[in-house]
Amino acid sequence: MIKDKLKVEIQLFEACPNADKMKARVLEAIQFLDFDVDYAETYVETPEMAEKVKFRGSPTVLVNGIDLENLPEPEKANLACRYYANGLPSVEEISGFLIQASE
């Protein structure tokens, strides 16, 4: 049973080629859930904003403030595209993470 609404945030900037793909996958994963999600998009467009949100690179998905891949906050954030060693998470992987985070 979910005590609090699940918070999902995607941090991105438009110049990154994977930003739109990840955003679409996250939105699709949310549609499969049988509970409400507080969804937000944060566009990181300046080095100051990157530092403020401790940007891990575009796109980053945070669930209740925790990175989808448990990547820690960087000491020095910057505007960069994020590298996913195993490729972008699939809709199914994202959905599974969201379900697990809600329990």
PDB file of N, CA and C in Angstrom:
ATOM      1  N   MET A   1       0.843  -1.189   0.000  1.00  0.00           N
ATOM      2  CA  MET A   1       0.000   0.000   0.000  1.00  0.00           C
ATOM      3  C   MET A   1       0.880   1.242   0.000  1.00  0.00           C
ATOM      4  N   ILE A   2       0.593   2.174  -0.847  1.00  0.00           N
ATOM      5  CA  ILE A   2       1.375   3.389  -0.971  1.00  0.00           C
ATOM      6  C   ILE A   2       0.930   4.381   0.098  1.00  0.00           C
ATOM      7  N   LYS A   3       1.876   4.805   0.936  1.00  0.00           N
ATOM      8  CA  LYS A   3       1.554   5.767   1.987  1.00  0.00           C
ATOM      9  C   LYS A   3       1.545   7.181   1.436  1.00  0.00           C
ATOM     10  N   ASP A   4       2.513   7.501   0.619  1.00  0.00           N
ATOM     11  CA  ASP A   4       2.620   8.812   0.000  1.00  0.00           C
ATOM     12  C   ASP A   4       2.653   8.622  -1.510  1.00  0.00           C
ATOM     13  N   LYS A   5       2.250   9.665  -2.211  1.00  0.00           N
ATOM     14  CA  LYS A   5       2.272   9.599  -3.674  1.00  0.00           C
ATOM     15  C   LYS A   5       3.716   9.479  -4.162  1.00  0.00           C
ATOM     16  N   LEU A   6       3.935   8.607  -5.108  1.00  0.00           N
ATOM     17  CA  LEU A   6       5.251   8.418  -5.695  1.00  0.00           C
ATOM     18  C   LEU A   6       5.624   9.655  -6.501  1.00  0.00           C
ATOM     19  N   LYS A   7       6.838  10.153  -6.292  1.00  0.00           N
ATOM     20  CA  LYS A   7       7.302  11.338  -7.010  1.00  0.00           C
ATOM     21  C   LYS A   7       8.327  10.919  -8.054  1.00  0.00           C
ATOM     22  N   VAL A   8       8.034  11.219  -9.304  1.00  0.00           N
ATOM     23  CA  VAL A   8       8.918  10.889 -10.414  1.00  0.00           C
ATOM     24  C   VAL A   8       9.307  12.191 -11.104  1.00  0.00           C
ATOM     25  N   GLU A   9      10.609  12.407 -11.199  1.00  0.00           N
ATOM     26  CA  GLU A   9      11.113  13.608 -11.858  1.00  0.00           C
ATOM     27  C   GLU A   9      12.108  13.196 -12.934  1.00  0.00           C
ATOM     28  N   ILE A  10      11.984  13.785 -14.091  1.00  0.00           N
ATOM     29  CA  ILE A  10      12.987  13.585 -15.127  1.00  0.00           C
ATOM     30  C   ILE A  10      13.694  14.919 -15.322  1.00  0.00           C
ATOM     31  N   GLN A  11      15.017  14.871 -15.239  1.00  0.00           N
ATOM     32  CA  GLN A  11      15.845  16.052 -15.448  1.00  0.00           C
ATOM     33  C   GLN A  11      16.512  15.896 -16.809  1.00  0.00           C
ATOM     34  N   LEU A  12      16.428  16.944 -17.630  1.00  0.00           N
ATOM     35  CA  LEU A  12      16.939  16.816 -18.981  1.00  0.00           C
ATOM     36  C   LEU A  12      17.225  18.172 -19.597  1.00  0.00           C
ATOM     37  N   PHE A  13      17.921  18.124 -20.722  1.00  0.00           N
ATOM     38  CA  PHE A  13      18.003  19.289 -21.582  1.00  0.00           C
ATOM     39  C   PHE A  13      17.807  18.810 -23.009  1.00  0.00           C
ATOM     40  N   GLU A  14      17.246  19.682 -23.821  1.00  0.00           N
ATOM     41  CA  GLU A  14      16.786  19.277 -25.141  1.00  0.00           C
ATOM     42  C   GLU A  14      17.896  18.894 -26.114  1.00  0.00           C
ATOM     43  N   ALA A  15      19.112  19.347 -25.899  1.00  0.00           N
ATOM     44  CA  ALA A  15      20.205  19.046 -26.830  1.00  0.00           C
ATOM     45  C   ALA A  15      20.683  17.605 -26.732  1.00  0.00           C
ATOM     46  N   CYS A  16      20.277  16.888 -25.715  1.00  0.00           N
ATOM     47  CA  CYS A  16      20.714  15.503 -25.547  1.00  0.00           C
ATOM     48  C   CYS A  16      19.819  14.575 -26.374  1.00  0.00           C
ATOM     49  N   PRO A  17      20.403  13.716 -27.203  1.00  0.00           N
ATOM     50  CA  PRO A  17      19.601  12.867 -28.089  1.00  0.00           C
ATOM     51  C   PRO A  17      18.727  11.849 -27.371  1.00  0.00           C
ATOM     52  N   ASN A  18      19.057  11.461 -26.140  1.00  0.00           N
ATOM     53  CA  ASN A  18      18.254  10.459 -25.436  1.00  0.00           C
ATOM     54  C   ASN A  18      17.161  11.061 -24.559  1.00  0.00           C
ATOM     55  N   ALA A  19      17.116  12.371 -24.446  1.00  0.00           N
ATOM     56  CA  ALA A  19      16.152  13.012 -23.542  1.00  0.00           C
ATOM     57  C   ALA A  19      14.710  12.677 -23.924  1.00  0.00           C
ATOM     58  N   ASP A  20      14.359  12.844 -25.177  1.00  0.00           N
ATOM     59  CA  ASP A  20      12.979  12.572 -25.604  1.00  0.00           C
ATOM     60  C   ASP A  20      12.625  11.091 -25.484  1.00  0.00           C
ATOM     61  N   LYS A  21      13.579  10.214 -25.782  1.00  0.00           N
ATOM     62  CA  LYS A  21      13.333   8.772 -25.670  1.00  0.00           C
ATOM     63  C   LYS A  21      13.041   8.384 -24.229  1.00  0.00           C
ATOM     64  N   MET A  22      13.863   8.892 -23.297  1.00  0.00           N
ATOM     65  CA  MET A  22      13.681   8.550 -21.895  1.00  0.00           C
ATOM     66  C   MET A  22      12.365   9.130 -21.376  1.00  0.00           C
ATOM     67  N   LYS A  23      12.078  10.350 -21.734  1.00  0.00           N
ATOM     68  CA  LYS A  23      10.822  10.984 -21.305  1.00  0.00           C
ATOM     69  C   LYS A  23       9.630  10.140 -21.766  1.00  0.00           C
ATOM     70  N   ALA A  24       9.635   9.700 -23.018  1.00  0.00           N
ATOM     71  CA  ALA A  24       8.543   8.877 -23.549  1.00  0.00           C
ATOM     72  C   ALA A  24       8.435   7.556 -22.794  1.00  0.00           C
ATOM     73  N   ARG A  25       9.560   6.950 -22.474  1.00  0.00           N
ATOM     74  CA  ARG A  25       9.541   5.672 -21.753  1.00  0.00           C
ATOM     75  C   ARG A  25       9.004   5.843 -20.337  1.00  0.00           C
ATOM     76  N   VAL A  26       9.414   6.901 -19.678  1.00  0.00           N
ATOM     77  CA  VAL A  26       8.925   7.154 -18.315  1.00  0.00           C
ATOM     78  C   VAL A  26       7.417   7.378 -18.332  1.00  0.00           C
ATOM     79  N   LEU A  27       6.953   8.201 -19.256  1.00  0.00           N
ATOM     80  CA  LEU A  27       5.514   8.470 -19.340  1.00  0.00           C
ATOM     81  C   LEU A  27       4.725   7.206 -19.666  1.00  0.00           C
ATOM     82  N   GLU A  28       5.262   6.359 -20.525  1.00  0.00           N
ATOM     83  CA  GLU A  28       4.594   5.089 -20.845  1.00  0.00           C
ATOM     84  C   GLU A  28       4.572   4.170 -19.630  1.00  0.00           C
ATOM     85  N   ALA A  29       5.685   4.101 -18.899  1.00  0.00           N
ATOM     86  CA  ALA A  29       5.756   3.255 -17.704  1.00  0.00           C
ATOM     87  C   ALA A  29       4.735   3.700 -16.661  1.00  0.00           C
ATOM     88  N   ILE A  30       4.572   5.002 -16.508  1.00  0.00           N
ATOM     89  CA  ILE A  30       3.612   5.526 -15.535  1.00  0.00           C
ATOM     90  C   ILE A  30       2.188   5.105 -15.892  1.00  0.00           C
ATOM     91  N   GLN A  31       1.881   5.030 -17.181  1.00  0.00           N
ATOM     92  CA  GLN A  31       0.536   4.653 -17.615  1.00  0.00           C
ATOM     93  C   GLN A  31       0.159   3.234 -17.192  1.00  0.00           C
ATOM     94  N   PHE A  32       1.144   2.363 -16.999  1.00  0.00           N
ATOM     95  CA  PHE A  32       0.881   0.979 -16.619  1.00  0.00           C
ATOM     96  C   PHE A  32       0.585   0.814 -15.132  1.00  0.00           C
ATOM     97  N   LEU A  33       0.854   1.837 -14.344  1.00  0.00           N
ATOM     98  CA  LEU A  33       0.705   1.738 -12.898  1.00  0.00           C
ATOM     99  C   LEU A  33      -0.755   1.889 -12.484  1.00  0.00           C
ATOM    100  N   ASP A  34      -1.103   1.232 -11.385  1.00  0.00           N
ATOM    101  CA  ASP A  34      -2.479   1.349 -10.897  1.00  0.00           C
ATOM    102  C   ASP A  34      -2.564   2.283  -9.689  1.00  0.00           C
ATOM    103  N   PHE A  35      -1.635   3.229  -9.623  1.00  0.00           N
ATOM    104  CA  PHE A  35      -1.656   4.253  -8.588  1.00  0.00           C
ATOM    105  C   PHE A  35      -1.171   5.561  -9.186  1.00  0.00           C
ATOM    106  N   ASP A  36      -1.497   6.641  -8.503  1.00  0.00           N
ATOM    107  CA  ASP A  36      -1.143   7.970  -8.995  1.00  0.00           C
ATOM    108  C   ASP A  36       0.330   8.274  -8.753  1.00  0.00           C
ATOM    109  N   VAL A  37       0.875   9.053  -9.662  1.00  0.00           N
ATOM    110  CA  VAL A  37       2.278   9.467  -9.591  1.00  0.00           C
ATOM    111  C   VAL A  37       2.336  10.982  -9.732  1.00  0.00           C
ATOM    112  N   ASP A  38       3.149  11.601  -8.921  1.00  0.00           N
ATOM    113  CA  ASP A  38       3.417  13.032  -9.047  1.00  0.00           C
ATOM    114  C   ASP A  38       4.603  13.164 -10.001  1.00  0.00           C
ATOM    115  N   TYR A  39       4.327  13.524 -11.253  1.00  0.00           N
ATOM    116  CA  TYR A  39       5.347  13.576 -12.308  1.00  0.00           C
ATOM    117  C   TYR A  39       5.784  15.009 -12.558  1.00  0.00           C
ATOM    118  N   ALA A  40       7.088  15.201 -12.706  1.00  0.00           N
ATOM    119  CA  ALA A  40       7.620  16.537 -12.993  1.00  0.00           C
ATOM    120  C   ALA A  40       8.776  16.430 -13.974  1.00  0.00           C
ATOM    121  N   GLU A  41       8.924  17.465 -14.777  1.00  0.00           N
ATOM    122  CA  GLU A  41      10.068  17.585 -15.684  1.00  0.00           C
ATOM    123  C   GLU A  41      10.855  18.820 -15.274  1.00  0.00           C
ATOM    124  N   THR A  42      12.168  18.655 -15.182  1.00  0.00           N
ATOM    125  CA  THR A  42      13.040  19.773 -14.867  1.00  0.00           C
ATOM    126  C   THR A  42      14.013  19.944 -16.016  1.00  0.00           C
ATOM    127  N   TYR A  43      13.895  21.077 -16.697  1.00  0.00           N
ATOM    128  CA  TYR A  43      14.804  21.374 -17.794  1.00  0.00           C
ATOM    129  C   TYR A  43      16.013  22.114 -17.239  1.00  0.00           C
ATOM    130  N   VAL A  44      17.169  21.509 -17.397  1.00  0.00           N
ATOM    131  CA  VAL A  44      18.423  22.050 -16.876  1.00  0.00           C
ATOM    132  C   VAL A  44      19.131  22.724 -18.050  1.00  0.00           C
ATOM    133  N   GLU A  45      19.191  24.056 -17.993  1.00  0.00           N
ATOM    134  CA  GLU A  45      19.679  24.797 -19.148  1.00  0.00           C
ATOM    135  C   GLU A  45      20.916  25.637 -18.875  1.00  0.00           C
ATOM    136  N   THR A  46      21.337  25.713 -17.618  1.00  0.00           N
ATOM    137  CA  THR A  46      22.510  26.513 -17.283  1.00  0.00           C
ATOM    138  C   THR A  46      23.389  25.751 -16.305  1.00  0.00           C
ATOM    139  N   PRO A  47      24.674  26.067 -16.255  1.00  0.00           N
ATOM    140  CA  PRO A  47      25.548  25.434 -15.260  1.00  0.00           C
ATOM    141  C   PRO A  47      25.063  25.687 -13.831  1.00  0.00           C
ATOM    142  N   GLU A  48      24.490  26.850 -13.592  1.00  0.00           N
ATOM    143  CA  GLU A  48      23.985  27.165 -12.252  1.00  0.00           C
ATOM    144  C   GLU A  48      22.817  26.248 -11.873  1.00  0.00           C
ATOM    145  N   MET A  49      21.932  26.013 -12.826  1.00  0.00           N
ATOM    146  CA  MET A  49      20.809  25.109 -12.582  1.00  0.00           C
ATOM    147  C   MET A  49      21.309  23.683 -12.383  1.00  0.00           C
ATOM    148  N   ALA A  50      22.295  23.276 -13.175  1.00  0.00           N
ATOM    149  CA  ALA A  50      22.875  21.936 -13.033  1.00  0.00           C
ATOM    150  C   ALA A  50      23.437  21.747 -11.628  1.00  0.00           C
ATOM    151  N   GLU A  51      24.117  22.750 -11.130  1.00  0.00           N
ATOM    152  CA  GLU A  51      24.689  22.677  -9.790  1.00  0.00           C
ATOM    153  C   GLU A  51      23.588  22.649  -8.731  1.00  0.00           C
ATOM    154  N   LYS A  52      22.564  23.444  -8.929  1.00  0.00           N
ATOM    155  CA  LYS A  52      21.463  23.535  -7.965  1.00  0.00           C
ATOM    156  C   LYS A  52      20.753  22.196  -7.790  1.00  0.00           C
ATOM    157  N   VAL A  53      20.497  21.483  -8.899  1.00  0.00           N
ATOM    158  CA  VAL A  53      19.765  20.214  -8.824  1.00  0.00           C
ATOM    159  C   VAL A  53      20.708  19.004  -8.750  1.00  0.00           C
ATOM    160  N   LYS A  54      22.017  19.257  -8.676  1.00  0.00           N
ATOM    161  CA  LYS A  54      23.020  18.177  -8.641  1.00  0.00           C
ATOM    162  C   LYS A  54      22.831  17.234  -9.827  1.00  0.00           C
ATOM    163  N   PHE A  55      22.832  17.844 -10.999  1.00  0.00           N
ATOM    164  CA  PHE A  55      22.536  17.172 -12.261  1.00  0.00           C
ATOM    165  C   PHE A  55      23.517  16.050 -12.551  1.00  0.00           C
ATOM    166  N   ARG A  56      22.989  14.884 -12.851  1.00  0.00           N
ATOM    167  CA  ARG A  56      23.795  13.707 -13.170  1.00  0.00           C
ATOM    168  C   ARG A  56      23.948  13.527 -14.677  1.00  0.00           C
ATOM    169  N   GLY A  57      23.325  14.397 -15.439  1.00  0.00           N
ATOM    170  CA  GLY A  57      23.370  14.310 -16.896  1.00  0.00           C
ATOM    171  C   GLY A  57      21.985  14.080 -17.455  1.00  0.00           C
ATOM    172  N   SER A  58      21.845  14.396 -18.729  1.00  0.00           N
ATOM    173  CA  SER A  58      20.542  14.293 -19.385  1.00  0.00           C
ATOM    174  C   SER A  58      20.447  13.008 -20.188  1.00  0.00           C
ATOM    175  N   PRO A  59      19.402  12.255 -19.958  1.00  0.00           N
ATOM    176  CA  PRO A  59      18.306  12.407 -19.019  1.00  0.00           C
ATOM    177  C   PRO A  59      18.576  11.651 -17.719  1.00  0.00           C
ATOM    178  N   THR A  60      18.106  12.205 -16.636  1.00  0.00           N
ATOM    179  CA  THR A  60      18.170  11.546 -15.328  1.00  0.00           C
ATOM    180  C   THR A  60      16.754  11.379 -14.816  1.00  0.00           C
ATOM    181  N   VAL A  61      16.450  10.193 -14.299  1.00  0.00           N
ATOM    182  CA  VAL A  61      15.147   9.923 -13.704  1.00  0.00           C
ATOM    183  C   VAL A  61      15.340   9.732 -12.208  1.00  0.00           C
ATOM    184  N   LEU A  62      14.600  10.516 -11.434  1.00  0.00           N
ATOM    185  CA  LEU A  62      14.624  10.410  -9.978  1.00  0.00           C
ATOM    186  C   LEU A  62      13.262   9.928  -9.501  1.00  0.00           C
ATOM    187  N   VAL A  63      13.272   8.946  -8.622  1.00  0.00           N
ATOM    188  CA  VAL A  63      12.043   8.434  -8.025  1.00  0.00           C
ATOM    189  C   VAL A  63      12.157   8.656  -6.523  1.00  0.00           C
ATOM    190  N   ASN A  64      11.287   9.512  -6.017  1.00  0.00           N
ATOM    191  CA  ASN A  64      11.371   9.941  -4.615  1.00  0.00           C
ATOM    192  C   ASN A  64      12.776  10.439  -4.289  1.00  0.00           C
ATOM    193  N   GLY A  65      13.380  11.138  -5.255  1.00  0.00           N
ATOM    194  CA  GLY A  65      14.695  11.739  -5.066  1.00  0.00           C
ATOM    195  C   GLY A  65      15.865  10.793  -5.285  1.00  0.00           C
ATOM    196  N   ILE A  66      15.592   9.521  -5.586  1.00  0.00           N
ATOM    197  CA  ILE A  66      16.649   8.516  -5.779  1.00  0.00           C
ATOM    198  C   ILE A  66      16.824   8.261  -7.274  1.00  0.00           C
ATOM    199  N   ASP A  67      18.059   8.298  -7.719  1.00  0.00           N
ATOM    200  CA  ASP A  67      18.381   8.053  -9.113  1.00  0.00           C
ATOM    201  C   ASP A  67      17.977   6.640  -9.519  1.00  0.00           C
ATOM    202  N   LEU A  68      17.438   6.505 -10.716  1.00  0.00           N
ATOM    203  CA  LEU A  68      16.982   5.213 -11.231  1.00  0.00           C
ATOM    204  C   LEU A  68      18.080   4.151 -11.176  1.00  0.00           C
ATOM    205  N   GLU A  69      19.337   4.555 -11.378  1.00  0.00           N
ATOM    206  CA  GLU A  69      20.466   3.615 -11.330  1.00  0.00           C
ATOM    207  C   GLU A  69      21.300   3.780 -10.064  1.00  0.00           C
ATOM    208  N   ASN A  70      20.763   4.473  -9.064  1.00  0.00           N
ATOM    209  CA  ASN A  70      21.454   4.731  -7.798  1.00  0.00           C
ATOM    210  C   ASN A  70      22.762   5.493  -7.974  1.00  0.00           C
ATOM    211  N   LEU A  71      22.858   6.277  -9.026  1.00  0.00           N
ATOM    212  CA  LEU A  71      24.031   7.116  -9.234  1.00  0.00           C
ATOM    213  C   LEU A  71      23.993   8.244  -8.210  1.00  0.00           C
ATOM    214  N   PRO A  72      25.062   8.429  -7.446  1.00  0.00           N
ATOM    215  CA  PRO A  72      25.045   9.482  -6.423  1.00  0.00           C
ATOM    216  C   PRO A  72      25.106  10.873  -7.037  1.00  0.00           C
ATOM    217  N   GLU A  73      24.755  11.855  -6.219  1.00  0.00           N
ATOM    218  CA  GLU A  73      24.875  13.245  -6.657  1.00  0.00           C
ATOM    219  C   GLU A  73      26.345  13.544  -6.923  1.00  0.00           C
ATOM    220  N   PRO A  74      26.637  14.260  -8.004  1.00  0.00           N
ATOM    221  CA  PRO A  74      28.034  14.575  -8.306  1.00  0.00           C
ATOM    222  C   PRO A  74      28.545  15.694  -7.395  1.00  0.00           C
ATOM    223  N   GLU A  75      29.853  15.699  -7.179  1.00  0.00           N
ATOM    224  CA  GLU A  75      30.453  16.800  -6.428  1.00  0.00           C
ATOM    225  C   GLU A  75      30.363  18.084  -7.222  1.00  0.00           C
ATOM    226  N   LYS A  76      30.588  17.995  -8.525  1.00  0.00           N
ATOM    227  CA  LYS A  76      30.525  19.149  -9.415  1.00  0.00           C
ATOM    228  C   LYS A  76      29.643  18.774 -10.601  1.00  0.00           C
ATOM    229  N   ALA A  77      28.439  19.326 -10.637  1.00  0.00           N
ATOM    230  CA  ALA A  77      27.503  19.022 -11.717  1.00  0.00           C
ATOM    231  C   ALA A  77      27.816  19.864 -12.947  1.00  0.00           C
ATOM    232  N   ASN A  78      27.486  19.346 -14.116  1.00  0.00           N
ATOM    233  CA  ASN A  78      27.641  20.133 -15.337  1.00  0.00           C
ATOM    234  C   ASN A  78      26.626  19.686 -16.376  1.00  0.00           C
ATOM    235  N   LEU A  79      26.509  20.467 -17.423  1.00  0.00           N
ATOM    236  CA  LEU A  79      25.586  20.133 -18.504  1.00  0.00           C
ATOM    237  C   LEU A  79      26.249  19.092 -19.402  1.00  0.00           C
ATOM    238  N   ALA A  80      25.731  17.889 -19.359  1.00  0.00           N
ATOM    239  CA  ALA A  80      26.286  16.814 -20.167  1.00  0.00           C
ATOM    240  C   ALA A  80      25.190  15.804 -20.460  1.00  0.00           C
ATOM    241  N   CYS A  81      25.350  15.090 -21.559  1.00  0.00           N
ATOM    242  CA  CYS A  81      24.463  13.973 -21.827  1.00  0.00           C
ATOM    243  C   CYS A  81      24.896  12.819 -20.935  1.00  0.00           C
ATOM    244  N   ARG A  82      23.938  12.081 -20.447  1.00  0.00           N
ATOM    245  CA  ARG A  82      24.235  10.964 -19.554  1.00  0.00           C
ATOM    246  C   ARG A  82      24.479   9.700 -20.369  1.00  0.00           C
ATOM    247  N   TYR A  83      25.455   8.935 -19.939  1.00  0.00           N
ATOM    248  CA  TYR A  83      25.790   7.665 -20.573  1.00  0.00           C
ATOM    249  C   TYR A  83      25.190   6.527 -19.755  1.00  0.00           C
ATOM    250  N   TYR A  84      24.420   5.675 -20.390  1.00  0.00           N
ATOM    251  CA  TYR A  84      23.863   4.484 -19.757  1.00  0.00           C
ATOM    252  C   TYR A  84      24.607   3.285 -20.325  1.00  0.00           C
ATOM    253  N   ALA A  85      25.448   2.662 -19.510  1.00  0.00           N
ATOM    254  CA  ALA A  85      26.324   1.576 -19.959  1.00  0.00           C
ATOM    255  C   ALA A  85      25.549   0.435 -20.619  1.00  0.00           C
ATOM    256  N   ASN A  86      24.352   0.136 -20.133  1.00  0.00           N
ATOM    257  CA  ASN A  86      23.542  -0.947 -20.687  1.00  0.00           C
ATOM    258  C   ASN A  86      22.424  -0.421 -21.586  1.00  0.00           C
ATOM    259  N   GLY A  87      22.566   0.801 -22.051  1.00  0.00           N
ATOM    260  CA  GLY A  87      21.521   1.427 -22.851  1.00  0.00           C
ATOM    261  C   GLY A  87      20.447   2.016 -21.957  1.00  0.00           C
ATOM    262  N   LEU A  88      19.565   2.791 -22.548  1.00  0.00           N
ATOM    263  CA  LEU A  88      18.471   3.379 -21.770  1.00  0.00           C
ATOM    264  C   LEU A  88      17.610   2.283 -21.164  1.00  0.00           C
ATOM    265  N   PRO A  89      17.156   2.470 -19.930  1.00  0.00           N
ATOM    266  CA  PRO A  89      16.248   1.482 -19.338  1.00  0.00           C
ATOM    267  C   PRO A  89      14.979   1.353 -20.188  1.00  0.00           C
ATOM    268  N   SER A  90      14.467   0.146 -20.276  1.00  0.00           N
ATOM    269  CA  SER A  90      13.250  -0.107 -21.045  1.00  0.00           C
ATOM    270  C   SER A  90      12.035   0.358 -20.241  1.00  0.00           C
ATOM    271  N   VAL A  91      10.907   0.416 -20.905  1.00  0.00           N
ATOM    272  CA  VAL A  91       9.655   0.772 -20.234  1.00  0.00           C
ATOM    273  C   VAL A  91       9.386  -0.225 -19.105  1.00  0.00           C
ATOM    274  N   GLU A  92       9.633  -1.498 -19.356  1.00  0.00           N
ATOM    275  CA  GLU A  92       9.404  -2.533 -18.351  1.00  0.00           C
ATOM    276  C   GLU A  92      10.327  -2.356 -17.153  1.00  0.00           C
ATOM    277  N   GLU A  93      11.595  -2.028 -17.393  1.00  0.00           N
ATOM    278  CA  GLU A  93      12.537  -1.811 -16.292  1.00  0.00           C
ATOM    279  C   GLU A  93      12.128  -0.601 -15.456  1.00  0.00           C
ATOM    280  N   ILE A  94      11.722   0.461 -16.126  1.00  0.00           N
ATOM    281  CA  ILE A  94      11.296   1.661 -15.416  1.00  0.00           C
ATOM    282  C   ILE A  94      10.034   1.365 -14.598  1.00  0.00           C
ATOM    283  N   SER A  95       9.095   0.681 -15.201  1.00  0.00           N
ATOM    284  CA  SER A  95       7.854   0.327 -14.513  1.00  0.00           C
ATOM    285  C   SER A  95       8.139  -0.528 -13.277  1.00  0.00           C
ATOM    286  N   GLY A  96       9.035  -1.504 -13.419  1.00  0.00           N
ATOM    287  CA  GLY A  96       9.406  -2.353 -12.281  1.00  0.00           C
ATOM    288  C   GLY A  96      10.041  -1.552 -11.166  1.00  0.00           C
ATOM    289  N   PHE A  97      10.885  -0.606 -11.508  1.00  0.00           N
ATOM    290  CA  PHE A  97      11.520   0.243 -10.496  1.00  0.00           C
ATOM    291  C   PHE A  97      10.460   1.081  -9.778  1.00  0.00           C
ATOM    292  N   LEU A  98       9.499   1.617 -10.522  1.00  0.00           N
ATOM    293  CA  LEU A  98       8.458   2.434  -9.920  1.00  0.00           C
ATOM    294  C   LEU A  98       7.594   1.614  -8.975  1.00  0.00           C
ATOM    295  N   ILE A  99       7.253   0.405  -9.384  1.00  0.00           N
ATOM    296  CA  ILE A  99       6.454  -0.471  -8.527  1.00  0.00           C
ATOM    297  C   ILE A  99       7.214  -0.812  -7.256  1.00  0.00           C
ATOM    298  N   GLN A 100       8.491  -1.143  -7.404  1.00  0.00           N
ATOM    299  CA  GLN A 100       9.315  -1.478  -6.235  1.00  0.00           C
ATOM    300  C   GLN A 100       9.426  -0.270  -5.294  1.00  0.00           C
ATOM    301  N   ALA A 101       9.596   0.912  -5.852  1.00  0.00           N
ATOM    302  CA  ALA A 101       9.741   2.120  -5.030  1.00  0.00           C
ATOM    303  C   ALA A 101       8.452   2.456  -4.285  1.00  0.00           C
ATOM    304  N   SER A 102       7.310   1.978  -4.777  1.00  0.00           N
ATOM    305  CA  SER A 102       6.037   2.298  -4.162  1.00  0.00           C
ATOM    306  C   SER A 102       5.707   1.381  -2.981  1.00  0.00           C
ATOM    307  N   GLU A 103       6.449   0.296  -2.860  1.00  0.00           N
ATOM    308  CA  GLU A 103       6.134  -0.702  -1.815  1.00  0.00           C
ATOM    309  C   GLU A 103       6.727  -0.348  -0.476  1.00  0.00           C
TER     310      GLU A 103
END
